[in-house]
Amino acid sequence: MLRVGNLDRSIDFYTKVLGMKLLRKTENPEYKYTLAFVGYGNNPDHAEIELTYNWGVDNYEMGSAYGHMAIGVPDAYKACEEVRKAGGKVTREAGPVKGGTTVIAFVEDPDGYKVEFIERKDEKNFVSL
């Protein structure tokens, strides 16, 4: 679950920039929050990300425990290009990880959460942006 400062902006990032689908959205007026679930498919076959918007809260401090989410992609260079074309922010260009050969890249969502692309050319379980 990620707490977000602007739900529509975050939904746009995950759907239009990363190519996920808005799976469902619910509002809870009594407790003043809205939930949106995004992903490449539904549970249990795919992971989902819960985006939580607490009404009236437009930003959060990043905690020191959160690192990043990771998504397998067939081509990290192309994924960065697609993110940039869609208006997203690439924070680490695609290239080999330090001390290794695995190609990775990082992008950032509108609230500053990091998403890593890990290039997995030979696997069937990856996302094509």
Protein backbone atom coordinates (compact mmCIF):
# COMPACT_ATOMS: atom_id res chain seq x y z
CA MET A 1 0.00 0.00 0.00
CA LEU A 2 1.27 3.45 -0.91
CA ARG A 3 -0.18 6.64 0.54
CA VAL A 4 -0.52 9.20 -2.22
CA GLY A 5 -1.12 12.95 -2.21
CA ASN A 6 -3.21 13.12 -5.39
CA LEU A 7 -5.06 9.94 -6.33
CA ASP A 8 -5.87 10.88 -9.93
CA ARG A 9 -2.25 11.86 -10.62
CA SER A 10 -1.04 8.56 -9.15
CA ILE A 11 -3.59 6.49 -11.08
CA ASP A 12 -2.47 8.27 -14.26
CA PHE A 13 1.17 7.41 -13.56
CA TYR A 14 0.57 3.72 -12.87
CA THR A 15 -1.87 3.27 -15.76
CA LYS A 16 -0.62 5.65 -18.46
CA VAL A 17 3.13 5.61 -17.72
CA LEU A 18 3.65 2.06 -16.40
CA GLY A 19 0.79 0.46 -18.36
CA MET A 20 -1.09 -1.02 -15.39
CA LYS A 21 -4.87 -1.20 -15.20
CA LEU A 22 -7.12 0.43 -12.64
CA LEU A 23 -8.61 -2.73 -11.14
CA ARG A 24 -11.05 -1.16 -8.68
CA LYS A 25 -11.66 1.98 -6.67
CA THR A 26 -13.62 2.44 -3.44
CA GLU A 27 -14.45 5.44 -1.28
CA ASN A 28 -15.03 5.49 2.46
CA PRO A 29 -16.73 8.81 3.30
CA GLU A 30 -17.09 7.95 7.00
CA TYR A 31 -13.32 7.66 7.46
CA LYS A 32 -12.41 10.09 4.64
CA TYR A 33 -10.22 7.98 2.38
CA THR A 34 -10.30 6.50 -1.13
CA LEU A 35 -8.55 3.31 -2.25
CA ALA A 36 -7.52 2.47 -5.80
CA PHE A 37 -5.99 -0.86 -6.78
CA VAL A 38 -3.73 -1.00 -9.85
CA GLY A 39 -1.83 -3.84 -11.49
CA TYR A 40 -1.16 -5.77 -14.66
CA GLY A 41 -3.91 -8.23 -13.72
CA ASN A 42 -5.93 -9.36 -10.72
CA ASN A 43 -4.90 -11.35 -7.67
CA PRO A 44 -4.01 -14.18 -7.24
CA ASP A 45 -2.34 -14.36 -10.66
CA HIS A 46 -0.78 -10.89 -10.45
CA ALA A 47 0.36 -8.55 -7.70
CA GLU A 48 -1.72 -5.46 -7.04
CA ILE A 49 -0.69 -2.09 -5.63
CA GLU A 50 -3.10 -0.39 -3.26
CA LEU A 51 -3.02 3.40 -3.57
CA THR A 52 -4.52 5.13 -0.53
CA TYR A 53 -5.63 8.74 -0.61
CA ASN A 54 -6.48 10.17 2.82
CA TRP A 55 -8.75 13.11 2.04
CA GLY A 56 -7.04 16.45 2.56
CA VAL A 57 -3.48 15.07 2.86
CA ASP A 58 -1.42 16.08 -0.17
CA ASN A 59 2.05 14.79 0.78
CA TYR A 60 3.89 12.43 3.09
CA GLU A 61 7.42 12.12 4.43
CA MET A 62 9.30 9.24 2.88
CA GLY A 63 10.25 6.73 5.54
CA SER A 64 13.67 5.13 5.70
CA ALA A 65 12.25 1.58 5.49
CA TYR A 66 10.86 1.84 1.95
CA GLY A 67 13.30 1.03 -0.84
CA HIS A 68 11.49 0.41 -4.11
CA MET A 69 9.18 -1.87 -6.05
CA ALA A 70 10.65 -3.96 -8.86
CA ILE A 71 9.10 -4.91 -12.21
CA GLY A 72 10.64 -7.36 -14.67
CA VAL A 73 10.79 -5.99 -18.24
CA PRO A 74 12.13 -7.48 -21.47
CA ASP A 75 14.16 -4.35 -22.34
CA ALA A 76 15.01 -1.78 -19.64
CA TYR A 77 16.34 0.73 -22.19
CA LYS A 78 13.06 0.65 -24.12
CA ALA A 79 11.04 0.78 -20.88
CA CYS A 80 12.85 4.01 -19.89
CA GLU A 81 12.17 5.46 -23.33
CA GLU A 82 8.46 4.62 -23.01
CA VAL A 83 8.26 6.13 -19.52
CA ARG A 84 9.88 9.34 -20.75
CA LYS A 85 7.51 9.52 -23.76
CA ALA A 86 4.54 9.18 -21.38
CA GLY A 87 5.81 12.06 -19.23
CA GLY A 88 7.35 9.94 -16.47
CA LYS A 89 10.61 10.62 -14.64
CA VAL A 90 13.60 8.31 -15.12
CA THR A 91 15.97 8.69 -12.15
CA ARG A 92 18.57 6.09 -13.16
CA GLU A 93 19.09 5.29 -16.80
CA ALA A 94 19.16 1.67 -17.89
CA GLY A 95 22.53 -0.01 -17.55
CA PRO A 96 24.33 -2.80 -15.73
CA VAL A 97 24.07 -2.93 -11.95
CA LYS A 98 27.32 -1.97 -10.22
CA GLY A 99 29.53 -5.03 -9.98
CA GLY A 100 27.27 -7.17 -12.17
CA THR A 101 25.74 -7.66 -15.58
CA THR A 102 21.99 -7.43 -14.85
CA VAL A 103 20.53 -4.35 -16.57
CA ILE A 104 18.37 -2.21 -14.31
CA ALA A 105 16.80 1.26 -14.32
CA PHE A 106 14.77 3.36 -11.89
CA VAL A 107 11.76 5.58 -12.39
CA GLU A 108 9.88 7.65 -9.85
CA ASP A 109 6.14 8.03 -9.36
CA PRO A 110 4.54 11.44 -8.68
CA ASP A 111 4.88 10.98 -4.90
CA GLY A 112 8.57 10.08 -5.10
CA TYR A 113 8.22 6.29 -4.77
CA LYS A 114 10.93 4.45 -6.71
CA VAL A 115 10.15 1.68 -9.20
CA GLU A 116 13.00 -0.47 -10.50
CA PHE A 117 12.97 -2.11 -13.91
CA ILE A 118 14.95 -5.35 -14.02
CA GLU A 119 15.73 -6.59 -17.52
CA ARG A 120 14.66 -10.23 -17.92
CA LYS A 121 14.99 -11.04 -21.62
CA ASP A 122 14.69 -14.82 -21.20
CA GLU A 123 11.74 -14.99 -18.82
CA LYS A 124 8.08 -15.18 -19.74
CA ASN A 125 6.88 -13.36 -16.59
CA PHE A 126 7.66 -9.76 -17.39
CA VAL A 127 5.80 -6.62 -18.32
CA SER A 128 6.16 -4.95 -21.68
CA LEU A 129 5.54 -1.20 -21.41
